[in-house]
Every structure is written in structure tokens, then in C-alpha cells.
């Protein structure tokens, strides 16, 4: 596991350990891996940072050291390129956790894996490219090194325990404060997402089945709705929050940014179709199963409470959530 100490990487590591797999975590040493995992320390962006992986090379007779590598990197594609090249003779398979952002925008509703992709991606690019180009460049790097031994997991919105982006944690902490809560649009808006633990389980199953190529990995469209998600937050927190469903036009007129100011939510339109209406029939035909939203919300709240109510935040991602003053104005306007 390249990473393996936070959010998706940790979910994969814990799932593999629970299956009795032998797991090696290659990370910088900033956070401890789950108990039972072996460690290799290194910084992928530093010169010579892959030395520990190189030293773990096989006997040179074509025997693989690892059956599977899972990589969640979302920065410079050249970092994925260097790791994939080094590991191509040491690992049987390489799974890269990519993103549905690799599709050319706007991605229409129902777009399958063979849809048009962003132009201009390169496996040799540095960290100065967009998220979409970074993820597509990472895909190209893995395909170049592993070919049909590469699995491209094009995830959409990922939530669940240990989330360090802040989307579901923001809604939970805001609703836990109680009182009137601005709820965007209409409660029947369908959502599409995946719990990190369901993603992890599918990745391991897919590796065991020898799957390769790209797969869109989220729930089916309408697995839940915005109303069901927020209602679940109210129930698990036990707060007196009152959801005030507010017209989309009023929200946008106030300068509120969907997705960032109001996490998870997007008003109907091109971006909504791209994020919440994707074709996931290929992954579900191979056994992808997504747990109920109530379970994801309850487990995330339990984890937050264990941390004292404050979720960790990735330093490379901006904080999300609506400014309290803006919310108050909308609620009283």
C-alpha cells in the first residue's frame, strides 16, 4: 500500500489485514499504519525517496515481492510514474485510485468508462497541473508500466469514517450544533457516492479476480438523496436541528458555492450530471455493493465523537463549509 495511513488508503489497508493478507505500507512516517502492517518509510517526492521500495526488491528470478500495489496519489503524475516503473517487476498488479474527473467536461449523465477523457494529460507532468490532468496522467503512468496488469478505479464522491476532506464531517458537526440549518434545494435530489470501506472491499475483490482497465466506482445514481443524507445526520447526532430547505436560486444569488460551501450538494445541471449521474453498471456487475447511507453517516459520527468532534484536514485541500453569517442571512431572508 502506497500511503495506507489515512482515509481511503487506510480503509484498504484495514480491509486487507482483516482478510488475513500480509500488508506492507510505504509512507512518510507522519501517521502510524494499522496494527499488523509492515512498514517501509520514504517520501515519494524527495530525491531517493523510493529507496526503501527498491531495497525490498525480489531475488531477481522473476518472482514478485507483492501480489498487489494500491496507490491513491493525487498529485504530480511523475510521482506515480516513478513508483510504477520501479514496481513493475516487483508487483503482480497495480491498482490506481483515480477519479471520474478524468472525463472531458461536461460528462453527460450515464457516461460509461469509454467516454471521452481530458486532453493534455502526461505521465511526466509535475504538480502544476489540474486535478483532472493529474489523475489522468497517473492513469497513463500506471498503464505504461503495468499494461493489462493495471486497474484504474475511477471513484466519485468518497465519504465515510476517517474522511479528511471535510464534506460529511462538516454536515455532521453543523447539524450537531442544532437550530435552523440551511438545506440546499430539494430533499429528493438523488446522490451518487461511495463509502471508502466499500471502495476498499471492491478493490481487493477485483485484484483477486484479475480485473483490469477502468471502472467507475460509486453507488448507483439515487442510492440516496440529499434529504436522506441530512435526515440521517439529524438522527445520529440527536440534535434539535431543523432542516430549512432553501430555493437553489436564492442560494446561488447569495454567492454560495455548491460543493465547497455546501459539501456534497450540486444543483441540477452539467456538473451535477457529471458527479451524481454516472454509469456504474460495469463495477456493479462485478460485485460492487454499497452500504446504506444511514450506516455510513452513523459510523462517521461515531468516529468523529471518538476524536472529540474535530476531523483531520488534508493540508493540500481547502476547508469546506458554509460561513455561519451567510447561512444566517439566507435563513432570515
Protein backbone atom coordinates (compact mmCIF):
# COMPACT_ATOMS: atom_id res chain seq x y z
CA UNK A 1 0.00 0.00 0.00
CA UNK A 2 1.48 3.33 -1.09
CA UNK A 3 0.24 5.54 1.73
CA UNK A 4 -2.15 3.50 3.79
CA UNK A 5 -2.39 5.60 6.93
CA UNK A 6 -5.30 7.96 6.10
CA UNK A 7 -8.82 7.75 4.69
CA UNK A 8 -9.01 5.57 1.53
CA UNK A 9 -5.52 4.14 1.89
CA UNK A 10 -6.16 3.19 5.48
CA UNK A 11 -9.52 1.66 4.58
CA UNK A 12 -7.76 -0.55 2.02
CA UNK A 13 -5.03 -1.50 4.49
CA UNK A 14 -7.51 -2.38 7.23
CA UNK A 15 -9.67 -4.40 4.83
CA UNK A 16 -6.67 -6.37 3.60
CA UNK A 17 -5.48 -7.08 7.14
CA UNK A 18 -8.99 -8.20 8.10
CA UNK A 19 -8.79 -10.77 5.30
CA UNK A 20 -5.55 -12.12 6.69
CA UNK A 21 -3.40 -10.63 3.92
CA UNK A 22 0.20 -9.64 4.55
CA UNK A 23 0.35 -5.88 4.07
CA UNK A 24 3.31 -3.56 3.66
CA UNK A 25 2.66 0.17 3.99
CA UNK A 26 5.06 2.58 2.30
CA UNK A 27 4.62 6.04 3.82
CA UNK A 28 6.44 9.11 5.12
CA UNK A 29 6.03 8.22 8.77
CA UNK A 30 3.73 11.10 9.66
CA UNK A 31 0.91 8.79 10.79
CA UNK A 32 1.08 5.26 12.11
CA UNK A 33 -0.30 2.43 9.96
CA UNK A 34 -2.92 -0.01 11.27
CA UNK A 35 -1.58 -2.63 13.69
CA UNK A 36 -0.31 -5.67 11.85
CA UNK A 37 1.03 -3.89 8.78
CA UNK A 38 4.72 -3.90 7.94
CA UNK A 39 6.29 -0.51 7.25
CA UNK A 40 8.64 0.97 4.69
CA UNK A 41 9.49 4.66 5.18
CA UNK A 42 10.11 7.03 2.32
CA UNK A 43 8.99 10.30 0.73
CA UNK A 44 7.86 9.83 -2.87
CA UNK A 45 8.57 13.44 -3.84
CA UNK A 46 12.09 13.53 -2.41
CA UNK A 47 15.22 12.57 -4.30
CA UNK A 48 15.96 8.95 -3.47
CA UNK A 49 12.62 8.73 -1.69
CA UNK A 50 11.83 5.30 -3.16
CA UNK A 51 14.99 3.70 -1.80
CA UNK A 52 13.13 1.56 0.73
CA UNK A 53 10.92 0.13 -2.03
CA UNK A 54 13.95 -0.52 -4.22
CA UNK A 55 15.76 -2.28 -1.37
CA UNK A 56 12.75 -4.57 -0.97
CA UNK A 57 13.32 -5.97 -4.44
CA UNK A 58 12.88 -9.62 -5.24
CA UNK A 59 15.51 -12.28 -5.82
CA UNK A 60 15.84 -11.37 -9.50
CA UNK A 61 14.34 -14.61 -10.81
CA UNK A 62 11.03 -13.10 -11.90
CA UNK A 63 9.34 -13.75 -8.55
CA UNK A 64 7.04 -10.98 -7.42
CA UNK A 65 7.53 -9.47 -3.99
CA UNK A 66 3.94 -8.25 -3.83
CA UNK A 67 0.75 -9.54 -5.43
CA UNK A 68 -0.85 -6.10 -5.45
CA UNK A 69 0.07 -2.44 -5.14
CA UNK A 70 -2.65 0.11 -4.34
CA UNK A 71 -1.85 3.76 -4.98
CA UNK A 72 -4.09 6.72 -4.08
CA UNK A 73 -1.72 9.52 -5.17
CA UNK A 74 -3.45 12.66 -6.45
CA UNK A 75 -0.51 14.98 -7.11
CA UNK A 76 2.16 15.06 -9.81
CA UNK A 77 1.76 12.18 -12.30
CA UNK A 78 5.56 11.85 -12.46
CA UNK A 79 5.46 10.56 -8.88
CA UNK A 80 3.12 7.74 -9.93
CA UNK A 81 5.33 7.11 -12.97
CA UNK A 82 8.46 6.61 -10.88
CA UNK A 83 6.77 4.26 -8.41
CA UNK A 84 5.04 2.24 -11.12
CA UNK A 85 8.24 1.80 -13.11
CA UNK A 86 10.13 0.67 -10.05
CA UNK A 87 7.41 -1.76 -9.00
CA UNK A 88 6.60 -3.20 -12.43
CA UNK A 89 8.97 -6.12 -11.85
CA UNK A 90 8.23 -6.40 -8.14
CA UNK A 91 4.40 -6.45 -8.13
CA UNK A 92 1.93 -8.63 -9.97
CA UNK A 93 -0.79 -5.98 -10.22
CA UNK A 94 -1.15 -2.24 -9.68
CA UNK A 95 -4.42 -0.57 -8.70
CA UNK A 96 -4.54 3.19 -9.07
CA UNK A 97 -7.34 5.03 -7.28
CA UNK A 98 -8.19 7.59 -9.93
CA UNK A 99 -11.23 9.82 -10.35
CA UNK A 100 -14.22 10.34 -12.59
CA UNK A 101 -12.74 13.81 -13.06
CA UNK A 102 -10.62 12.30 -15.85
CA UNK A 103 -13.60 12.52 -18.22
CA UNK A 104 -13.80 15.53 -20.52
CA UNK A 105 -16.15 18.15 -19.08
CA UNK A 106 -19.07 18.20 -19.29
CA UNK A 107 -19.50 14.48 -18.77
CA UNK A 108 -23.14 13.72 -19.67
CA UNK A 109 -25.39 11.66 -17.44
CA UNK A 110 -24.89 7.94 -17.95
CA UNK A 111 -21.34 8.23 -19.27
CA UNK A 112 -19.56 4.84 -19.21
CA UNK A 113 -15.83 4.12 -18.90
CA UNK A 114 -15.16 4.52 -22.63
CA UNK A 115 -16.32 8.13 -22.63
CA UNK A 116 -14.03 10.94 -23.85
CA UNK A 117 -11.18 11.86 -21.50
CA UNK A 118 -9.42 15.14 -20.71
CA UNK A 119 -6.86 16.30 -23.25
CA UNK A 120 -3.26 17.13 -22.45
CA UNK A 121 -2.52 14.64 -19.68
CA UNK A 122 1.02 13.30 -19.38
CA UNK A 123 2.65 10.74 -17.07
CA UNK A 124 5.66 13.05 -16.92
CA UNK A 125 3.80 16.10 -15.63
CA UNK A 126 4.72 17.78 -12.37
CA UNK A 127 2.48 19.11 -9.66
CA UNK A 128 1.37 22.24 -11.53
CA UNK A 129 -1.50 20.60 -13.42
CA UNK A 130 -5.20 20.44 -12.61
CA UNK A 131 -6.68 17.62 -10.56
CA UNK A 132 -8.21 16.07 -13.69
CA UNK A 133 -4.91 16.13 -15.58
CA UNK A 134 -3.05 14.84 -12.53
CA UNK A 135 -5.33 11.82 -12.19
CA UNK A 136 -5.35 11.06 -15.91
CA UNK A 137 -1.57 11.45 -16.02
CA UNK A 138 -1.34 8.98 -13.13
CA UNK A 139 -3.50 6.54 -15.07
CA UNK A 140 -1.23 6.82 -18.09
CA UNK A 141 1.83 6.24 -15.91
CA UNK A 142 0.38 3.04 -14.45
CA UNK A 143 -0.79 1.76 -17.84
CA UNK A 144 2.65 2.38 -19.30
CA UNK A 145 4.36 0.35 -16.57
CA UNK A 146 1.77 -2.40 -15.98
CA UNK A 147 -0.38 -2.62 -19.10
CA UNK A 148 -3.19 -5.12 -18.61
CA UNK A 149 -1.99 -5.71 -15.05
CA UNK A 150 -3.30 -2.23 -14.14
CA UNK A 151 -6.70 -1.48 -12.62
CA UNK A 152 -7.98 2.11 -12.77
CA UNK A 153 -10.53 2.78 -10.03
CA UNK A 154 -12.35 5.94 -11.12
CA UNK A 155 -14.02 6.92 -7.88
CA UNK A 156 -16.50 9.74 -7.49
CA UNK A 157 -17.50 11.32 -4.19
CA UNK A 158 -15.94 9.29 -1.35
CA UNK A 159 -17.23 9.62 2.22
CA UNK A 160 -17.13 7.60 5.42
CA UNK A 161 -15.07 7.28 8.61
CA UNK A 162 -11.61 8.92 8.53
CA UNK A 163 -12.63 11.35 5.82
CA UNK A 164 -10.00 14.09 5.76
CA UNK A 165 -11.62 16.29 3.11
CA UNK A 166 -14.36 17.51 5.44
CA UNK A 167 -17.58 17.03 3.45
CA UNK A 168 -19.66 14.68 5.58
CA UNK A 169 -17.87 15.77 8.79
CA UNK A 170 -18.95 19.36 8.10
CA UNK A 171 -22.60 18.43 7.76
CA UNK A 172 -22.45 16.32 10.91
CA UNK A 173 -20.80 19.00 13.04
CA UNK A 174 -23.06 21.72 11.66
CA UNK A 175 -26.23 19.72 12.32
CA UNK A 176 -24.94 18.68 15.75
CA UNK A 177 -24.96 22.39 16.75
CA UNK A 178 -28.72 22.34 16.22
CA UNK A 179 -31.18 25.07 15.41
CA UNK A 180 -32.29 26.05 11.90
CA UNK A 181 -29.96 24.56 9.27
CA UNK A 182 -29.87 25.68 5.66
CA UNK A 183 -30.65 22.64 3.49
CA UNK A 184 -29.98 23.25 -0.20
CA UNK A 185 -32.52 22.80 -2.97
CA UNK A 186 -34.98 19.96 -2.54
CA UNK A 187 -34.72 16.86 -0.34
CA UNK A 188 -35.47 14.47 -3.22
CA UNK A 189 -32.26 15.29 -5.14
CA UNK A 190 -30.57 11.93 -5.93
CA UNK A 191 -26.93 11.47 -4.86
CA UNK A 192 -24.16 9.18 -6.04
CA UNK A 193 -21.14 8.41 -3.82
CA UNK A 194 -19.18 5.55 -2.26
CA UNK A 195 -18.19 4.70 1.30
CA UNK A 196 -14.40 4.34 1.48
CA UNK A 197 -14.82 0.90 3.04
CA UNK A 198 -16.98 -0.32 0.15
CA UNK A 199 -14.41 1.04 -2.27
CA UNK A 200 -11.65 -0.79 -0.40
CA UNK A 201 -13.52 -4.08 -0.39
CA UNK A 202 -14.18 -3.92 -4.12
CA UNK A 203 -10.54 -3.09 -4.88
CA UNK A 204 -9.35 -6.19 -3.06
CA UNK A 205 -12.00 -8.40 -4.66
CA UNK A 206 -11.12 -7.01 -8.08
CA UNK A 207 -7.44 -7.78 -7.59
CA UNK A 208 -8.27 -11.34 -6.64
CA UNK A 209 -10.41 -11.69 -9.77
CA UNK A 210 -7.73 -10.26 -12.03
CA UNK A 211 -9.82 -7.30 -13.20
CA UNK A 212 -8.01 -4.61 -15.17
CA UNK A 213 -8.76 -1.41 -17.01
CA UNK A 214 -11.06 1.44 -15.91
CA UNK A 215 -14.10 1.14 -13.64
CA UNK A 216 -16.42 3.90 -12.42
CA UNK A 217 -16.72 3.32 -8.67
CA UNK A 218 -19.63 4.90 -6.89
CA UNK A 219 -23.11 3.83 -5.89
CA UNK A 220 -25.86 3.67 -8.44
CA UNK A 221 -27.48 7.08 -9.09
CA UNK A 222 -30.10 7.71 -6.43
CA UNK A 223 -28.58 5.31 -3.90
CA UNK A 224 -29.69 8.01 -1.51
CA UNK A 225 -30.97 11.58 -1.67
CA UNK A 226 -29.84 14.86 -0.16
CA UNK A 227 -32.79 14.66 2.21
CA UNK A 228 -31.99 11.14 3.37
CA UNK A 229 -28.36 12.10 3.95
CA UNK A 230 -29.20 15.14 6.08
CA UNK A 231 -32.03 13.36 7.92
CA UNK A 232 -29.54 10.65 8.86
CA UNK A 233 -27.21 13.36 10.22
CA UNK A 234 -30.03 14.73 12.38
CA UNK A 235 -30.87 11.30 13.77
CA UNK A 236 -27.35 10.15 14.62
CA UNK A 237 -26.32 13.42 16.26
CA UNK A 238 -29.53 13.58 18.31
CA UNK A 239 -29.67 17.34 17.83
CA UNK A 240 -32.68 19.62 17.61
CA UNK A 241 -31.64 20.74 14.12
CA UNK A 242 -34.44 21.89 11.85
CA UNK A 243 -33.66 21.47 8.16
CA UNK A 244 -34.80 24.54 6.23
CA UNK A 245 -34.94 23.56 2.54
CA UNK A 246 -33.97 26.66 0.60
CA UNK A 247 -34.52 27.51 -3.05
CA UNK A 248 -31.49 26.95 -5.25
CA UNK A 249 -31.80 30.35 -6.93
CA UNK A 250 -31.64 32.14 -3.58
CA UNK A 251 -28.58 30.17 -2.55
CA UNK A 252 -26.71 30.92 -5.77
CA UNK A 253 -27.76 34.58 -5.72
CA UNK A 254 -26.10 34.89 -2.29
CA UNK A 255 -22.78 33.83 -3.79
CA UNK A 256 -22.78 30.43 -2.10
CA UNK A 257 -20.63 27.88 -3.91
CA UNK A 258 -22.16 24.43 -4.35
CA UNK A 259 -19.86 21.53 -3.40
CA UNK A 260 -17.43 23.68 -1.43
CA UNK A 261 -19.68 25.91 0.71
CA UNK A 262 -22.40 23.25 0.82
CA UNK A 263 -20.49 19.97 0.58
CA UNK A 264 -21.86 17.06 -1.47
CA UNK A 265 -24.61 19.24 -2.96
CA UNK A 266 -24.74 20.33 -6.58
CA UNK A 267 -27.77 21.90 -8.25
CA UNK A 268 -29.12 20.09 -11.31
CA UNK A 269 -27.04 20.84 -14.39
CA UNK A 270 -23.88 19.76 -16.18
CA UNK A 271 -21.71 19.43 -13.08
CA UNK A 272 -24.45 17.55 -11.23
CA UNK A 273 -24.78 15.10 -14.14
CA UNK A 274 -21.01 14.58 -14.12
CA UNK A 275 -20.79 13.86 -10.39
CA UNK A 276 -24.10 12.24 -9.49
CA UNK A 277 -25.38 10.54 -12.66
CA UNK A 278 -22.52 8.34 -13.85
CA UNK A 279 -22.86 4.87 -15.38
CA UNK A 280 -21.58 2.34 -12.84
CA UNK A 281 -23.09 -0.79 -14.33
CA UNK A 282 -19.68 -2.30 -15.09
CA UNK A 283 -18.49 -2.17 -11.48
CA UNK A 284 -21.79 -3.35 -10.03
CA UNK A 285 -21.81 -6.28 -12.46
CA UNK A 286 -18.54 -7.39 -10.85
CA UNK A 287 -19.95 -7.28 -7.33
CA UNK A 288 -19.67 -3.69 -6.10
CA UNK A 289 -22.02 -3.31 -3.15
CA UNK A 290 -22.73 -0.06 -1.32
CA UNK A 291 -23.99 0.06 2.24
CA UNK A 292 -26.98 2.21 3.28
CA UNK A 293 -26.32 5.90 3.83
CA UNK A 294 -27.55 5.60 7.42
CA UNK A 295 -24.67 3.24 8.21
CA UNK A 296 -22.07 5.49 6.62
CA UNK A 297 -23.38 8.54 8.49
CA UNK A 298 -23.63 6.72 11.84
CA UNK A 299 -20.12 5.27 11.61
CA UNK A 300 -18.65 8.63 10.57
CA UNK A 301 -20.34 10.34 13.52
CA UNK A 302 -19.05 7.67 15.91
CA UNK A 303 -15.52 8.20 14.59
CA UNK A 304 -15.86 11.98 14.91
CA UNK A 305 -17.02 11.64 18.51
CA UNK A 306 -14.01 9.47 19.28
CA UNK A 307 -11.82 12.31 18.01
CA UNK A 308 -13.61 14.90 20.11
CA UNK A 309 -15.68 16.22 17.20
CA UNK A 310 -12.87 17.63 15.04
CA UNK A 311 -11.96 15.77 11.86
CA UNK A 312 -8.43 15.80 10.38
CA UNK A 313 -7.91 18.01 7.34
CA UNK A 314 -5.65 17.27 4.38
CA UNK A 315 -3.23 20.20 4.06
CA UNK A 316 -3.48 20.16 0.25
CA UNK A 317 -7.26 20.59 0.20
CA UNK A 318 -9.19 23.75 1.15
CA UNK A 319 -11.60 23.61 4.05
CA UNK A 320 -15.24 23.27 3.10
CA UNK A 321 -18.44 24.55 4.66
CA UNK A 322 -20.79 27.49 4.70
CA UNK A 323 -19.91 30.64 6.59
CA UNK A 324 -22.28 30.99 9.59
CA UNK A 325 -23.08 34.62 8.78
CA UNK A 326 -24.04 33.74 5.21
CA UNK A 327 -26.21 30.91 6.44
CA UNK A 328 -27.94 33.18 8.94
CA UNK A 329 -28.73 35.77 6.27
CA UNK A 330 -30.23 33.15 3.99
CA UNK A 331 -32.30 31.67 6.78
CA UNK A 332 -33.74 35.03 7.78
CA UNK A 333 -34.04 36.40 4.26
